Amino acid sequence: MSQAAESLTDTGREDWPFDAWGTARPDLNFVREYCLADVGVCDRLVALFQTARELGLTQPGRTGRFQVNKAIKDSEDLAPEQLPQNHARIPSPEKSGYSDVMRQFTAFIPRYYRDTGAA
């Protein structure tokens, strides 16, 4: 084993999430993947984003420290809850699919806790 690999395995930390080859330890991996019941809603959300972009209602993505830093996060964000209500081009949360997706995400939370042992 190389000295670099040895230093990765001998961190002295029980919570080290990777082995010497960079493979995630599943017992410490918090990332999970779940599928929406109706993925067709994604097309409506993309359309909402594109309309909001055309109207200038998106903003640069912010880091965890609420800073715009494109070296860390180069994205364009949309905050649906901040969209104007009753705008002719902006569909309601129900019509845009936003409400449906949020209900489904909320339903995933107990499952996530069970799957990760975070409960």
C-alpha atoms as a PDB file:
ATOM      1  CA  MET A   1       0.000   0.000   0.000  1.00  0.00           C
ATOM      2  CA  SER A   2       1.346   3.437  -0.886  1.00  0.00           C
ATOM      3  CA  GLN A   3       2.060   5.962   1.815  1.00  0.00           C
ATOM      4  CA  ALA A   4      -0.782   8.183   0.515  1.00  0.00           C
ATOM      5  CA  ALA A   5      -3.263   5.300   0.616  1.00  0.00           C
ATOM      6  CA  GLU A   6      -2.060   4.333   4.071  1.00  0.00           C
ATOM      7  CA  SER A   7      -2.612   7.874   5.326  1.00  0.00           C
ATOM      8  CA  LEU A   8      -6.190   7.744   4.043  1.00  0.00           C
ATOM      9  CA  THR A   9      -7.004   4.551   5.878  1.00  0.00           C
ATOM     10  CA  ASP A  10      -5.245   5.518   9.071  1.00  0.00           C
ATOM     11  CA  THR A  11      -7.026   8.797   9.781  1.00  0.00           C
ATOM     12  CA  GLY A  12      -7.819   7.907  13.346  1.00  0.00           C
ATOM     13  CA  ARG A  13     -11.414   8.847  12.605  1.00  0.00           C
ATOM     14  CA  GLU A  14     -14.192   6.309  12.803  1.00  0.00           C
ATOM     15  CA  ASP A  15     -16.389   8.566  10.677  1.00  0.00           C
ATOM     16  CA  TRP A  16     -13.994   8.771   7.698  1.00  0.00           C
ATOM     17  CA  PRO A  17     -16.375   8.173   4.753  1.00  0.00           C
ATOM     18  CA  PHE A  18     -13.878   6.733   2.220  1.00  0.00           C
ATOM     19  CA  ASP A  19     -11.528   3.809   2.014  1.00  0.00           C
ATOM     20  CA  ALA A  20      -7.964   4.081   0.667  1.00  0.00           C
ATOM     21  CA  TRP A  21      -9.203   4.031  -2.942  1.00  0.00           C
ATOM     22  CA  GLY A  22     -11.742   6.795  -2.464  1.00  0.00           C
ATOM     23  CA  THR A  23     -14.730   4.463  -2.369  1.00  0.00           C
ATOM     24  CA  ALA A  24     -17.533   5.744  -0.194  1.00  0.00           C
ATOM     25  CA  ARG A  25     -18.339   3.648   2.815  1.00  0.00           C
ATOM     26  CA  PRO A  26     -22.056   2.868   2.448  1.00  0.00           C
ATOM     27  CA  ASP A  27     -22.573   2.888   6.196  1.00  0.00           C
ATOM     28  CA  LEU A  28     -21.633   6.585   6.264  1.00  0.00           C
ATOM     29  CA  ASN A  29     -23.054   7.664   2.916  1.00  0.00           C
ATOM     30  CA  PHE A  30     -25.954  10.081   3.382  1.00  0.00           C
ATOM     31  CA  VAL A  31     -26.790  10.476  -0.322  1.00  0.00           C
ATOM     32  CA  ARG A  32     -29.908   8.625  -1.454  1.00  0.00           C
ATOM     33  CA  GLU A  33     -31.882   8.482  -4.686  1.00  0.00           C
ATOM     34  CA  TYR A  34     -35.662   8.365  -4.853  1.00  0.00           C
ATOM     35  CA  CYS A  35     -38.013   8.621  -7.846  1.00  0.00           C
ATOM     36  CA  LEU A  36     -41.059  10.805  -8.150  1.00  0.00           C
ATOM     37  CA  ALA A  37     -44.327   8.997  -8.796  1.00  0.00           C
ATOM     38  CA  ASP A  38     -44.880  11.164 -11.886  1.00  0.00           C
ATOM     39  CA  VAL A  39     -41.671  12.363 -13.536  1.00  0.00           C
ATOM     40  CA  GLY A  40     -43.760  14.261 -16.111  1.00  0.00           C
ATOM     41  CA  VAL A  41     -43.987  17.029 -13.552  1.00  0.00           C
ATOM     42  CA  CYS A  42     -40.310  17.766 -14.276  1.00  0.00           C
ATOM     43  CA  ASP A  43     -41.190  19.200 -17.692  1.00  0.00           C
ATOM     44  CA  ARG A  44     -43.583  21.657 -16.052  1.00  0.00           C
ATOM     45  CA  LEU A  45     -40.914  22.705 -13.549  1.00  0.00           C
ATOM     46  CA  VAL A  46     -38.386  23.260 -16.335  1.00  0.00           C
ATOM     47  CA  ALA A  47     -40.971  25.387 -18.183  1.00  0.00           C
ATOM     48  CA  LEU A  48     -41.526  27.396 -14.986  1.00  0.00           C
ATOM     49  CA  PHE A  49     -37.785  27.978 -14.654  1.00  0.00           C
ATOM     50  CA  GLN A  50     -37.449  29.063 -18.295  1.00  0.00           C
ATOM     51  CA  THR A  51     -40.347  31.509 -17.972  1.00  0.00           C
ATOM     52  CA  ALA A  52     -38.912  32.922 -14.758  1.00  0.00           C
ATOM     53  CA  ARG A  53     -35.531  33.321 -16.461  1.00  0.00           C
ATOM     54  CA  GLU A  54     -37.130  35.197 -19.380  1.00  0.00           C
ATOM     55  CA  LEU A  55     -38.819  37.522 -16.879  1.00  0.00           C
ATOM     56  CA  GLY A  56     -35.562  38.135 -14.998  1.00  0.00           C
ATOM     57  CA  LEU A  57     -36.788  36.337 -11.869  1.00  0.00           C
ATOM     58  CA  THR A  58     -33.843  33.968 -11.449  1.00  0.00           C
ATOM     59  CA  GLN A  59     -30.639  34.849  -9.646  1.00  0.00           C
ATOM     60  CA  PRO A  60     -27.075  33.592  -9.403  1.00  0.00           C
ATOM     61  CA  GLY A  61     -26.645  30.539  -7.194  1.00  0.00           C
ATOM     62  CA  ARG A  62     -25.331  31.151  -3.697  1.00  0.00           C
ATOM     63  CA  THR A  63     -22.937  29.047  -1.672  1.00  0.00           C
ATOM     64  CA  GLY A  64     -23.706  27.662   1.767  1.00  0.00           C
ATOM     65  CA  ARG A  65     -22.464  30.979   3.125  1.00  0.00           C
ATOM     66  CA  PHE A  66     -25.015  32.838   0.967  1.00  0.00           C
ATOM     67  CA  GLN A  67     -22.324  34.294  -1.283  1.00  0.00           C
ATOM     68  CA  VAL A  68     -22.200  34.362  -5.067  1.00  0.00           C
ATOM     69  CA  ASN A  69     -18.919  32.642  -5.885  1.00  0.00           C
ATOM     70  CA  LYS A  70     -18.858  31.035  -9.325  1.00  0.00           C
ATOM     71  CA  ALA A  71     -15.603  29.242  -8.507  1.00  0.00           C
ATOM     72  CA  ILE A  72     -17.564  27.212  -5.950  1.00  0.00           C
ATOM     73  CA  LYS A  73     -21.099  27.211  -7.359  1.00  0.00           C
ATOM     74  CA  ASP A  74     -21.852  28.293 -10.916  1.00  0.00           C
ATOM     75  CA  SER A  75     -25.606  28.028 -11.180  1.00  0.00           C
ATOM     76  CA  GLU A  76     -28.783  29.966 -11.691  1.00  0.00           C
ATOM     77  CA  ASP A  77     -31.402  29.631  -8.955  1.00  0.00           C
ATOM     78  CA  LEU A  78     -35.124  30.088  -8.760  1.00  0.00           C
ATOM     79  CA  ALA A  79     -37.055  30.542  -5.530  1.00  0.00           C
ATOM     80  CA  PRO A  80     -40.620  29.560  -6.496  1.00  0.00           C
ATOM     81  CA  GLU A  81     -42.012  30.892  -3.230  1.00  0.00           C
ATOM     82  CA  GLN A  82     -40.753  34.361  -4.218  1.00  0.00           C
ATOM     83  CA  LEU A  83     -42.441  34.414  -7.623  1.00  0.00           C
ATOM     84  CA  PRO A  84     -45.147  37.041  -8.127  1.00  0.00           C
ATOM     85  CA  GLN A  85     -48.657  35.723  -7.638  1.00  0.00           C
ATOM     86  CA  ASN A  86     -51.310  36.282 -10.291  1.00  0.00           C
ATOM     87  CA  HIS A  87     -48.733  37.009 -13.013  1.00  0.00           C
ATOM     88  CA  ALA A  88     -50.146  36.130 -16.436  1.00  0.00           C
ATOM     89  CA  ARG A  89     -47.078  34.071 -17.414  1.00  0.00           C
ATOM     90  CA  ILE A  90     -46.335  32.416 -14.079  1.00  0.00           C
ATOM     91  CA  PRO A  91     -48.498  29.350 -13.389  1.00  0.00           C
ATOM     92  CA  SER A  92     -49.759  28.689  -9.882  1.00  0.00           C
ATOM     93  CA  PRO A  93     -47.803  26.268  -7.681  1.00  0.00           C
ATOM     94  CA  GLU A  94     -50.431  23.613  -8.487  1.00  0.00           C
ATOM     95  CA  LYS A  95     -50.300  24.095 -12.268  1.00  0.00           C
ATOM     96  CA  SER A  96     -46.498  24.369 -12.389  1.00  0.00           C
ATOM     97  CA  GLY A  97     -46.056  21.084 -10.543  1.00  0.00           C
ATOM     98  CA  TYR A  98     -44.202  22.741  -7.676  1.00  0.00           C
ATOM     99  CA  SER A  99     -46.810  21.783  -5.056  1.00  0.00           C
ATOM    100  CA  ASP A 100     -46.892  18.181  -6.244  1.00  0.00           C
ATOM    101  CA  VAL A 101     -43.111  17.820  -6.127  1.00  0.00           C
ATOM    102  CA  MET A 102     -42.911  19.370  -2.664  1.00  0.00           C
ATOM    103  CA  ARG A 103     -45.567  16.945  -1.379  1.00  0.00           C
ATOM    104  CA  GLN A 104     -43.587  14.027  -2.806  1.00  0.00           C
ATOM    105  CA  PHE A 105     -40.277  15.313  -1.383  1.00  0.00           C
ATOM    106  CA  THR A 106     -41.908  15.704   2.022  1.00  0.00           C
ATOM    107  CA  ALA A 107     -43.125  12.105   1.825  1.00  0.00           C
ATOM    108  CA  PHE A 108     -39.533  10.961   1.183  1.00  0.00           C
ATOM    109  CA  ILE A 109     -38.245  12.403   4.473  1.00  0.00           C
ATOM    110  CA  PRO A 110     -39.359   9.562   6.803  1.00  0.00           C
ATOM    111  CA  ARG A 111     -38.041   7.025   4.278  1.00  0.00           C
ATOM    112  CA  TYR A 112     -34.700   8.851   4.115  1.00  0.00           C
ATOM    113  CA  TYR A 113     -34.417   8.803   7.902  1.00  0.00           C
ATOM    114  CA  ARG A 114     -35.147   5.079   7.928  1.00  0.00           C
ATOM    115  CA  ASP A 115     -32.689   4.366   5.081  1.00  0.00           C
ATOM    116  CA  THR A 116     -29.850   6.324   6.661  1.00  0.00           C
ATOM    117  CA  GLY A 117     -30.532   5.437  10.268  1.00  0.00           C
ATOM    118  CA  ALA A 118     -30.859   9.125  11.053  1.00  0.00           C
ATOM    119  CA  ALA A 119     -34.122   8.692  12.943  1.00  0.00           C
END
